[in-house]
Amino acid sequence: GINLVLTGDCLGDSDTNPQATLMGPDGEYHATTTIRTPQT
């Protein structure tokens, strides 16, 4: 399984519940998101 960390700005927090999608050769996969540091 994958366990990735996205770093950036305005990535969301527990209130906004950001959604992540992985788009590959066989279609789309929806990943589970967990806030490590709000927004970043």
PDB file of all heavy atoms in Angstrom:
ATOM      1  N   GLY A   1       0.821  -1.197   0.000  1.00  0.00           N
ATOM      2  CA  GLY A   1       0.000   0.000   0.000  1.00  0.00           C
ATOM      3  C   GLY A   1       0.859   1.252   0.000  1.00  0.00           C
ATOM      4  O   GLY A   1       2.057   1.211   0.300  1.00  0.00           O
ATOM      5  N   ILE A   2       0.243   2.369  -0.374  1.00  0.00           N
ATOM      6  CA  ILE A   2       0.991   3.629  -0.415  1.00  0.00           C
ATOM      7  C   ILE A   2       0.701   4.443   0.835  1.00  0.00           C
ATOM      8  O   ILE A   2      -0.371   4.356   1.434  1.00  0.00           O
ATOM      9  CB  ILE A   2       0.653   4.451  -1.669  1.00  0.00           C
ATOM     10  CG1 ILE A   2      -0.834   4.844  -1.660  1.00  0.00           C
ATOM     11  CG2 ILE A   2       1.011   3.689  -2.928  1.00  0.00           C
ATOM     12  CD1 ILE A   2      -1.179   5.926  -2.661  1.00  0.00           C
ATOM     13  N   ASN A   3       1.681   5.232   1.221  1.00  0.00           N
ATOM     14  CA  ASN A   3       1.564   6.158   2.338  1.00  0.00           C
ATOM     15  C   ASN A   3       2.388   7.393   1.952  1.00  0.00           C
ATOM     16  O   ASN A   3       3.602   7.410   2.097  1.00  0.00           O
ATOM     17  CB  ASN A   3       2.096   5.522   3.629  1.00  0.00           C
ATOM     18  CG  ASN A   3       1.719   6.315   4.861  1.00  0.00           C
ATOM     19  OD1 ASN A   3       2.052   7.490   4.968  1.00  0.00           O
ATOM     20  ND2 ASN A   3       1.049   5.678   5.791  1.00  0.00           N
ATOM     21  N   LEU A   4       1.699   8.394   1.403  1.00  0.00           N
ATOM     22  CA  LEU A   4       2.371   9.565   0.852  1.00  0.00           C
ATOM     23  C   LEU A   4       2.108  10.796   1.702  1.00  0.00           C
ATOM     24  O   LEU A   4       1.035  10.927   2.295  1.00  0.00           O
ATOM     25  CB  LEU A   4       1.877   9.847  -0.570  1.00  0.00           C
ATOM     26  CG  LEU A   4       1.784   8.677  -1.547  1.00  0.00           C
ATOM     27  CD1 LEU A   4       1.204   9.147  -2.856  1.00  0.00           C
ATOM     28  CD2 LEU A   4       3.154   8.052  -1.752  1.00  0.00           C
ATOM     29  N   VAL A   5       3.053  11.700   1.725  1.00  0.00           N
ATOM     30  CA  VAL A   5       2.879  12.983   2.392  1.00  0.00           C
ATOM     31  C   VAL A   5       2.893  14.081   1.334  1.00  0.00           C
ATOM     32  O   VAL A   5       3.864  14.217   0.589  1.00  0.00           O
ATOM     33  CB  VAL A   5       3.982  13.238   3.433  1.00  0.00           C
ATOM     34  CG1 VAL A   5       3.797  14.618   4.071  1.00  0.00           C
ATOM     35  CG2 VAL A   5       3.972  12.160   4.508  1.00  0.00           C
ATOM     36  N   LEU A   6       1.781  14.817   1.247  1.00  0.00           N
ATOM     37  CA  LEU A   6       1.722  15.988   0.384  1.00  0.00           C
ATOM     38  C   LEU A   6       2.059  17.213   1.217  1.00  0.00           C
ATOM     39  O   LEU A   6       1.509  17.406   2.303  1.00  0.00           O
ATOM     40  CB  LEU A   6       0.330  16.158  -0.223  1.00  0.00           C
ATOM     41  CG  LEU A   6      -0.275  14.966  -0.974  1.00  0.00           C
ATOM     42  CD1 LEU A   6      -1.570  15.388  -1.650  1.00  0.00           C
ATOM     43  CD2 LEU A   6       0.697  14.398  -1.985  1.00  0.00           C
ATOM     44  N   THR A   7       2.962  18.009   0.704  1.00  0.00           N
ATOM     45  CA  THR A   7       3.359  19.246   1.378  1.00  0.00           C
ATOM     46  C   THR A   7       2.982  20.426   0.487  1.00  0.00           C
ATOM     47  O   THR A   7       3.105  20.348  -0.740  1.00  0.00           O
ATOM     48  CB  THR A   7       4.870  19.250   1.640  1.00  0.00           C
ATOM     49  OG1 THR A   7       5.210  18.096   2.411  1.00  0.00           O
ATOM     50  CG2 THR A   7       5.284  20.491   2.424  1.00  0.00           C
ATOM     51  N   GLY A   8       2.507  21.510   1.117  1.00  0.00           N
ATOM     52  CA  GLY A   8       2.149  22.681   0.329  1.00  0.00           C
ATOM     53  C   GLY A   8       1.410  23.710   1.151  1.00  0.00           C
ATOM     54  O   GLY A   8       1.616  23.823   2.371  1.00  0.00           O
ATOM     55  N   ASP A   9       0.501  24.442   0.512  1.00  0.00           N
ATOM     56  CA  ASP A   9      -0.285  25.482   1.169  1.00  0.00           C
ATOM     57  C   ASP A   9      -1.761  25.240   0.885  1.00  0.00           C
ATOM     58  O   ASP A   9      -2.145  24.750  -0.181  1.00  0.00           O
ATOM     59  CB  ASP A   9       0.096  26.878   0.635  1.00  0.00           C
ATOM     60  CG  ASP A   9       1.579  27.181   0.836  1.00  0.00           C
ATOM     61  OD1 ASP A   9       2.047  27.019   1.978  1.00  0.00           O
ATOM     62  OD2 ASP A   9       2.250  27.539  -0.151  1.00  0.00           O
ATOM     63  N   CYS A  10      -2.591  25.618   1.863  1.00  0.00           N
ATOM     64  CA  CYS A  10      -4.050  25.523   1.719  1.00  0.00           C
ATOM     65  C   CYS A  10      -4.494  24.122   1.328  1.00  0.00           C
ATOM     66  O   CYS A  10      -5.382  23.939   0.488  1.00  0.00           O
ATOM     67  CB  CYS A  10      -4.561  26.546   0.711  1.00  0.00           C
ATOM     68  SG  CYS A  10      -4.353  28.251   1.287  1.00  0.00           S
ATOM     69  N   LEU A  11      -3.869  23.128   1.961  1.00  0.00           N
ATOM     70  CA  LEU A  11      -4.201  21.746   1.634  1.00  0.00           C
ATOM     71  C   LEU A  11      -5.403  21.240   2.418  1.00  0.00           C
ATOM     72  O   LEU A  11      -5.868  20.129   2.177  1.00  0.00           O
ATOM     73  CB  LEU A  11      -2.990  20.840   1.894  1.00  0.00           C
ATOM     74  CG  LEU A  11      -1.706  21.195   1.135  1.00  0.00           C
ATOM     75  CD1 LEU A  11      -0.625  20.164   1.408  1.00  0.00           C
ATOM     76  CD2 LEU A  11      -1.966  21.325  -0.353  1.00  0.00           C
ATOM     77  N   GLY A  12      -5.877  22.016   3.369  1.00  0.00           N
ATOM     78  CA  GLY A  12      -7.053  21.618   4.116  1.00  0.00           C
ATOM     79  C   GLY A  12      -6.737  21.270   5.549  1.00  0.00           C
ATOM     80  O   GLY A  12      -5.577  21.170   5.967  1.00  0.00           O
ATOM     81  N   ASP A  13      -7.799  21.112   6.318  1.00  0.00           N
ATOM     82  CA  ASP A  13      -7.678  20.674   7.704  1.00  0.00           C
ATOM     83  C   ASP A  13      -8.870  19.788   8.014  1.00  0.00           C
ATOM     84  O   ASP A  13      -9.622  19.389   7.125  1.00  0.00           O
ATOM     85  CB  ASP A  13      -7.571  21.877   8.646  1.00  0.00           C
ATOM     86  CG  ASP A  13      -8.732  22.844   8.494  1.00  0.00           C
ATOM     87  OD1 ASP A  13      -9.829  22.408   8.075  1.00  0.00           O
ATOM     88  OD2 ASP A  13      -8.550  24.041   8.797  1.00  0.00           O
ATOM     89  N   SER A  14      -9.033  19.467   9.303  1.00  0.00           N
ATOM     90  CA  SER A  14     -10.101  18.541   9.686  1.00  0.00           C
ATOM     91  C   SER A  14     -11.481  19.097   9.391  1.00  0.00           C
ATOM     92  O   SER A  14     -12.451  18.344   9.257  1.00  0.00           O
ATOM     93  CB  SER A  14      -9.974  18.190  11.172  1.00  0.00           C
ATOM     94  OG  SER A  14     -10.037  19.366  11.970  1.00  0.00           O
ATOM     95  N   ASP A  15     -11.604  20.400   9.273  1.00  0.00           N
ATOM     96  CA  ASP A  15     -12.912  20.993   8.987  1.00  0.00           C
ATOM     97  C   ASP A  15     -13.281  20.901   7.506  1.00  0.00           C
ATOM     98  O   ASP A  15     -14.445  20.820   7.151  1.00  0.00           O
ATOM     99  CB  ASP A  15     -12.934  22.462   9.429  1.00  0.00           C
ATOM    100  CG  ASP A  15     -12.797  22.593  10.935  1.00  0.00           C
ATOM    101  OD1 ASP A  15     -13.507  21.868  11.647  1.00  0.00           O
ATOM    102  OD2 ASP A  15     -11.961  23.406  11.377  1.00  0.00           O
ATOM    103  N   THR A  16     -12.274  20.921   6.659  1.00  0.00           N
ATOM    104  CA  THR A  16     -12.568  20.945   5.217  1.00  0.00           C
ATOM    105  C   THR A  16     -12.535  19.563   4.589  1.00  0.00           C
ATOM    106  O   THR A  16     -13.049  19.368   3.492  1.00  0.00           O
ATOM    107  CB  THR A  16     -11.567  21.844   4.494  1.00  0.00           C
ATOM    108  OG1 THR A  16     -10.240  21.329   4.684  1.00  0.00           O
ATOM    109  CG2 THR A  16     -11.639  23.271   5.018  1.00  0.00           C
ATOM    110  N   ASN A  17     -11.904  18.596   5.290  1.00  0.00           N
ATOM    111  CA  ASN A  17     -11.887  17.211   4.803  1.00  0.00           C
ATOM    112  C   ASN A  17     -11.465  17.135   3.333  1.00  0.00           C
ATOM    113  O   ASN A  17     -12.258  16.785   2.456  1.00  0.00           O
ATOM    114  CB  ASN A  17     -13.267  16.572   4.997  1.00  0.00           C
ATOM    115  CG  ASN A  17     -13.243  15.072   4.720  1.00  0.00           C
ATOM    116  OD1 ASN A  17     -12.205  14.428   4.862  1.00  0.00           O
ATOM    117  ND2 ASN A  17     -14.379  14.540   4.301  1.00  0.00           N
ATOM    118  N   PRO A  18     -10.219  17.423   3.024  1.00  0.00           N
ATOM    119  CA  PRO A  18      -9.775  17.393   1.625  1.00  0.00           C
ATOM    120  C   PRO A  18      -9.896  15.990   1.025  1.00  0.00           C
ATOM    121  O   PRO A  18      -9.779  14.983   1.726  1.00  0.00           O
ATOM    122  CB  PRO A  18      -8.323  17.850   1.706  1.00  0.00           C
ATOM    123  CG  PRO A  18      -7.901  17.548   3.110  1.00  0.00           C
ATOM    124  CD  PRO A  18      -9.115  17.738   3.953  1.00  0.00           C
ATOM    125  N   GLN A  19     -10.104  15.932  -0.276  1.00  0.00           N
ATOM    126  CA  GLN A  19     -10.279  14.673  -0.996  1.00  0.00           C
ATOM    127  C   GLN A  19      -9.111  14.477  -1.957  1.00  0.00           C
ATOM    128  O   GLN A  19      -8.685  15.419  -2.634  1.00  0.00           O
ATOM    129  CB  GLN A  19     -11.596  14.678  -1.779  1.00  0.00           C
ATOM    130  CG  GLN A  19     -12.831  14.968  -0.934  1.00  0.00           C
ATOM    131  CD  GLN A  19     -13.088  13.875   0.081  1.00  0.00           C
ATOM    132  OE1 GLN A  19     -13.110  12.698  -0.257  1.00  0.00           O
ATOM    133  NE2 GLN A  19     -13.267  14.270   1.334  1.00  0.00           N
ATOM    134  N   ALA A  20      -8.604  13.239  -2.045  1.00  0.00           N
ATOM    135  CA  ALA A  20      -7.472  12.941  -2.920  1.00  0.00           C
ATOM    136  C   ALA A  20      -7.870  11.861  -3.921  1.00  0.00           C
ATOM    137  O   ALA A  20      -8.543  10.887  -3.566  1.00  0.00           O
ATOM    138  CB  ALA A  20      -6.262  12.482  -2.113  1.00  0.00           C
ATOM    139  N   THR A  21      -7.443  12.033  -5.152  1.00  0.00           N
ATOM    140  CA  THR A  21      -7.727  11.074  -6.217  1.00  0.00           C
ATOM    141  C   THR A  21      -6.422  10.713  -6.918  1.00  0.00           C
ATOM    142  O   THR A  21      -5.605  11.584  -7.235  1.00  0.00           O
ATOM    143  CB  THR A  21      -8.715  11.658  -7.242  1.00  0.00           C
ATOM    144  OG1 THR A  21      -9.908  12.052  -6.572  1.00  0.00           O
ATOM    145  CG2 THR A  21      -9.058  10.630  -8.312  1.00  0.00           C
ATOM    146  N   LEU A  22      -6.236   9.418  -7.137  1.00  0.00           N
ATOM    147  CA  LEU A  22      -5.078   8.918  -7.877  1.00  0.00           C
ATOM    148  C   LEU A  22      -5.579   8.481  -9.248  1.00  0.00           C
ATOM    149  O   LEU A  22      -6.426   7.594  -9.354  1.00  0.00           O
ATOM    150  CB  LEU A  22      -4.430   7.735  -7.145  1.00  0.00           C
ATOM    151  CG  LEU A  22      -4.087   7.973  -5.670  1.00  0.00           C
ATOM    152  CD1 LEU A  22      -3.634   6.683  -5.017  1.00  0.00           C
ATOM    153  CD2 LEU A  22      -3.014   9.036  -5.536  1.00  0.00           C
ATOM    154  N   MET A  23      -5.056   9.082 -10.282  1.00  0.00           N
ATOM    155  CA  MET A  23      -5.526   8.818 -11.643  1.00  0.00           C
ATOM    156  C   MET A  23      -4.462   8.049 -12.398  1.00  0.00           C
ATOM    157  O   MET A  23      -3.394   8.580 -12.720  1.00  0.00           O
ATOM    158  CB  MET A  23      -5.850  10.140 -12.336  1.00  0.00           C
ATOM    159  CG  MET A  23      -7.004  10.881 -11.669  1.00  0.00           C
ATOM    160  SD  MET A  23      -7.227  12.567 -12.281  1.00  0.00           S
ATOM    161  CE  MET A  23      -5.804  13.375 -11.526  1.00  0.00           C
ATOM    162  N   GLY A  24      -4.757   6.744 -12.630  1.00  0.00           N
ATOM    163  CA  GLY A  24      -3.766   5.873 -13.245  1.00  0.00           C
ATOM    164  C   GLY A  24      -4.250   5.250 -14.531  1.00  0.00           C
ATOM    165  O   GLY A  24      -5.324   5.578 -15.041  1.00  0.00           O
ATOM    166  N   PRO A  25      -3.490   4.287 -15.057  1.00  0.00           N
ATOM    167  CA  PRO A  25      -3.820   3.682 -16.356  1.00  0.00           C
ATOM    168  C   PRO A  25      -5.109   2.871 -16.331  1.00  0.00           C
ATOM    169  O   PRO A  25      -5.730   2.670 -17.376  1.00  0.00           O
ATOM    170  CB  PRO A  25      -2.603   2.797 -16.647  1.00  0.00           C
ATOM    171  CG  PRO A  25      -1.981   2.542 -15.308  1.00  0.00           C
ATOM    172  CD  PRO A  25      -2.230   3.773 -14.506  1.00  0.00           C
ATOM    173  N   ASP A  26      -5.503   2.397 -15.161  1.00  0.00           N
ATOM    174  CA  ASP A  26      -6.713   1.578 -15.070  1.00  0.00           C
ATOM    175  C   ASP A  26      -7.900   2.342 -14.500  1.00  0.00           C
ATOM    176  O   ASP A  26      -8.933   1.734 -14.196  1.00  0.00           O
ATOM    177  CB  ASP A  26      -6.441   0.341 -14.203  1.00  0.00           C
ATOM    178  CG  ASP A  26      -5.383  -0.560 -14.820  1.00  0.00           C
ATOM    179  OD1 ASP A  26      -5.311  -0.608 -16.064  1.00  0.00           O
ATOM    180  OD2 ASP A  26      -4.635  -1.208 -14.076  1.00  0.00           O
ATOM    181  N   GLY A  27      -7.766   3.646 -14.313  1.00  0.00           N
ATOM    182  CA  GLY A  27      -8.874   4.422 -13.783  1.00  0.00           C
ATOM    183  C   GLY A  27      -8.470   5.230 -12.571  1.00  0.00           C
ATOM    184  O   GLY A  27      -7.287   5.469 -12.322  1.00  0.00           O
ATOM    185  N   GLU A  28      -9.494   5.656 -11.825  1.00  0.00           N
ATOM    186  CA  GLU A  28      -9.262   6.521 -10.670  1.00  0.00           C
ATOM    187  C   GLU A  28      -9.406   5.731  -9.362  1.00  0.00           C
ATOM    188  O   GLU A  28     -10.246   4.844  -9.253  1.00  0.00           O
ATOM    189  CB  GLU A  28     -10.252   7.684 -10.676  1.00  0.00           C
ATOM    190  CG  GLU A  28     -10.067   8.633 -11.850  1.00  0.00           C
ATOM    191  CD  GLU A  28     -10.990   9.828 -11.756  1.00  0.00           C
ATOM    192  OE1 GLU A  28     -11.870   9.844 -10.864  1.00  0.00           O
ATOM    193  OE2 GLU A  28     -10.836  10.765 -12.576  1.00  0.00           O
ATOM    194  N   TYR A  29      -8.593   6.099  -8.400  1.00  0.00           N
ATOM    195  CA  TYR A  29      -8.625   5.495  -7.068  1.00  0.00           C
ATOM    196  C   TYR A  29      -8.692   6.630  -6.052  1.00  0.00           C
ATOM    197  O   TYR A  29      -7.926   7.595  -6.151  1.00  0.00           O
ATOM    198  CB  TYR A  29      -7.373   4.649  -6.826  1.00  0.00           C
ATOM    199  CG  TYR A  29      -7.218   3.495  -7.777  1.00  0.00           C
ATOM    200  CD1 TYR A  29      -6.619   3.686  -9.028  1.00  0.00           C
ATOM    201  CD2 TYR A  29      -7.660   2.226  -7.445  1.00  0.00           C
ATOM    202  CE1 TYR A  29      -6.471   2.628  -9.918  1.00  0.00           C
ATOM    203  CE2 TYR A  29      -7.508   1.152  -8.320  1.00  0.00           C
ATOM    204  CZ  TYR A  29      -6.916   1.368  -9.558  1.00  0.00           C
ATOM    205  OH  TYR A  29      -6.786   0.314 -10.430  1.00  0.00           O
ATOM    206  N   HIS A  30      -9.607   6.508  -5.102  1.00  0.00           N
ATOM    207  CA  HIS A  30      -9.769   7.543  -4.088  1.00  0.00           C
ATOM    208  C   HIS A  30      -8.984   7.136  -2.840  1.00  0.00           C
ATOM    209  O   HIS A  30      -9.221   6.076  -2.258  1.00  0.00           O
ATOM    210  CB  HIS A  30     -11.249   7.739  -3.756  1.00  0.00           C
ATOM    211  CG  HIS A  30     -12.045   8.222  -4.941  1.00  0.00           C
ATOM    212  ND1 HIS A  30     -11.929   9.506  -5.434  1.00  0.00           N
ATOM    213  CD2 HIS A  30     -12.932   7.588  -5.741  1.00  0.00           C
ATOM    214  CE1 HIS A  30     -12.726   9.654  -6.479  1.00  0.00           C
ATOM    215  NE2 HIS A  30     -13.340   8.494  -6.695  1.00  0.00           N
ATOM    216  N   ALA A  31      -8.050   7.995  -2.479  1.00  0.00           N
ATOM    217  CA  ALA A  31      -7.191   7.721  -1.335  1.00  0.00           C
ATOM    218  C   ALA A  31      -7.797   8.308  -0.059  1.00  0.00           C
ATOM    219  O   ALA A  31      -8.587   9.254  -0.101  1.00  0.00           O
ATOM    220  CB  ALA A  31      -5.803   8.305  -1.570  1.00  0.00           C
ATOM    221  N   THR A  32      -7.411   7.724   1.051  1.00  0.00           N
ATOM    222  CA  THR A  32      -7.801   8.250   2.361  1.00  0.00           C
ATOM    223  C   THR A  32      -6.839   9.368   2.746  1.00  0.00           C
ATOM    224  O   THR A  32      -5.612   9.223   2.599  1.00  0.00           O
ATOM    225  CB  THR A  32      -7.769   7.142   3.415  1.00  0.00           C
ATOM    226  OG1 THR A  32      -8.685   6.111   3.042  1.00  0.00           O
ATOM    227  CG2 THR A  32      -8.154   7.677   4.790  1.00  0.00           C
ATOM    228  N   THR A  33      -7.395  10.487   3.226  1.00  0.00           N
ATOM    229  CA  THR A  33      -6.554  11.619   3.619  1.00  0.00           C
ATOM    230  C   THR A  33      -6.578  11.794   5.127  1.00  0.00           C
ATOM    231  O   THR A  33      -7.614  11.629   5.771  1.00  0.00           O
ATOM    232  CB  THR A  33      -7.022  12.923   2.954  1.00  0.00           C
ATOM    233  OG1 THR A  33      -8.387  13.165   3.309  1.00  0.00           O
ATOM    234  CG2 THR A  33      -6.898  12.839   1.440  1.00  0.00           C
ATOM    235  N   THR A  34      -5.425  12.110   5.673  1.00  0.00           N
ATOM    236  CA  THR A  34      -5.279  12.399   7.098  1.00  0.00           C
ATOM    237  C   THR A  34      -4.456  13.674   7.231  1.00  0.00           C
ATOM    238  O   THR A  34      -3.387  13.800   6.610  1.00  0.00           O
ATOM    239  CB  THR A  34      -4.563  11.250   7.829  1.00  0.00           C
ATOM    240  OG1 THR A  34      -5.297  10.038   7.607  1.00  0.00           O
ATOM    241  CG2 THR A  34      -4.487  11.527   9.324  1.00  0.00           C
ATOM    242  N   ILE A  35      -4.945  14.617   8.009  1.00  0.00           N
ATOM    243  CA  ILE A  35      -4.224  15.877   8.206  1.00  0.00           C
ATOM    244  C   ILE A  35      -3.095  15.650   9.195  1.00  0.00           C
ATOM    245  O   ILE A  35      -3.314  15.268  10.339  1.00  0.00           O
ATOM    246  CB  ILE A  35      -5.162  16.984   8.723  1.00  0.00           C
ATOM    247  CG1 ILE A  35      -6.347  17.177   7.772  1.00  0.00           C
ATOM    248  CG2 ILE A  35      -4.399  18.291   8.913  1.00  0.00           C
ATOM    249  CD1 ILE A  35      -5.949  17.583   6.369  1.00  0.00           C
ATOM    250  N   ARG A  36      -1.863  15.866   8.726  1.00  0.00           N
ATOM    251  CA  ARG A  36      -0.725  15.789   9.644  1.00  0.00           C
ATOM    252  C   ARG A  36      -0.470  17.169  10.247  1.00  0.00           C
ATOM    253  O   ARG A  36      -0.330  17.302  11.465  1.00  0.00           O
ATOM    254  CB  ARG A  36       0.522  15.294   8.910  1.00  0.00           C
ATOM    255  CG  ARG A  36       1.775  15.325   9.782  1.00  0.00           C
ATOM    256  CD  ARG A  36       3.011  14.905   9.028  1.00  0.00           C
ATOM    257  NE  ARG A  36       3.053  13.454   8.855  1.00  0.00           N
ATOM    258  CZ  ARG A  36       4.077  12.818   8.280  1.00  0.00           C
ATOM    259  NH1 ARG A  36       5.106  13.525   7.807  1.00  0.00           N
ATOM    260  NH2 ARG A  36       4.073  11.513   8.166  1.00  0.00           N
ATOM    261  N   THR A  37      -0.378  18.171   9.413  1.00  0.00           N
ATOM    262  CA  THR A  37      -0.262  19.562   9.851  1.00  0.00           C
ATOM    263  C   THR A  37      -1.293  20.356   9.083  1.00  0.00           C
ATOM    264  O   THR A  37      -1.257  20.362   7.843  1.00  0.00           O
ATOM    265  CB  THR A  37       1.142  20.125   9.560  1.00  0.00           C
ATOM    266  OG1 THR A  37       2.123  19.285  10.181  1.00  0.00           O
ATOM    267  CG2 THR A  37       1.279  21.533  10.102  1.00  0.00           C
ATOM    268  N   PRO A  38      -2.248  20.987   9.780  1.00  0.00           N
ATOM    269  CA  PRO A  38      -3.315  21.687   9.063  1.00  0.00           C
ATOM    270  C   PRO A  38      -2.767  22.617   7.986  1.00  0.00           C
ATOM    271  O   PRO A  38      -1.822  23.379   8.211  1.00  0.00           O
ATOM    272  CB  PRO A  38      -4.035  22.458  10.173  1.00  0.00           C
ATOM    273  CG  PRO A  38      -3.797  21.647  11.408  1.00  0.00           C
ATOM    274  CD  PRO A  38      -2.415  21.099  11.245  1.00  0.00           C
ATOM    275  N   GLN A  39      -3.344  22.470   6.809  1.00  0.00           N
ATOM    276  CA  GLN A  39      -3.090  23.307   5.640  1.00  0.00           C
ATOM    277  C   GLN A  39      -1.768  23.025   4.933  1.00  0.00           C
ATOM    278  O   GLN A  39      -1.636  23.317   3.748  1.00  0.00           O
ATOM    279  CB  GLN A  39      -3.162  24.801   6.000  1.00  0.00           C
ATOM    280  CG  GLN A  39      -4.445  25.234   6.650  1.00  0.00           C
ATOM    281  CD  GLN A  39      -5.665  24.975   5.782  1.00  0.00           C
ATOM    282  OE1 GLN A  39      -5.575  24.875   4.569  1.00  0.00           O
ATOM    283  NE2 GLN A  39      -6.820  24.860   6.431  1.00  0.00           N
ATOM    284  N   THR A  40      -0.795  22.439   5.612  1.00  0.00           N
ATOM    285  CA  THR A  40       0.526  22.301   4.982  1.00  0.00           C
ATOM    286  C   THR A  40       0.977  20.859   4.763  1.00  0.00           C
ATOM    287  O   THR A  40       1.857  20.617   3.935  1.00  0.00           O
ATOM    288  CB  THR A  40       1.602  23.011   5.819  1.00  0.00           C
ATOM    289  OG1 THR A  40       1.649  22.427   7.131  1.00  0.00           O
ATOM    290  CG2 THR A  40       1.308  24.502   5.925  1.00  0.00           C
TER     291      THR A  40
END
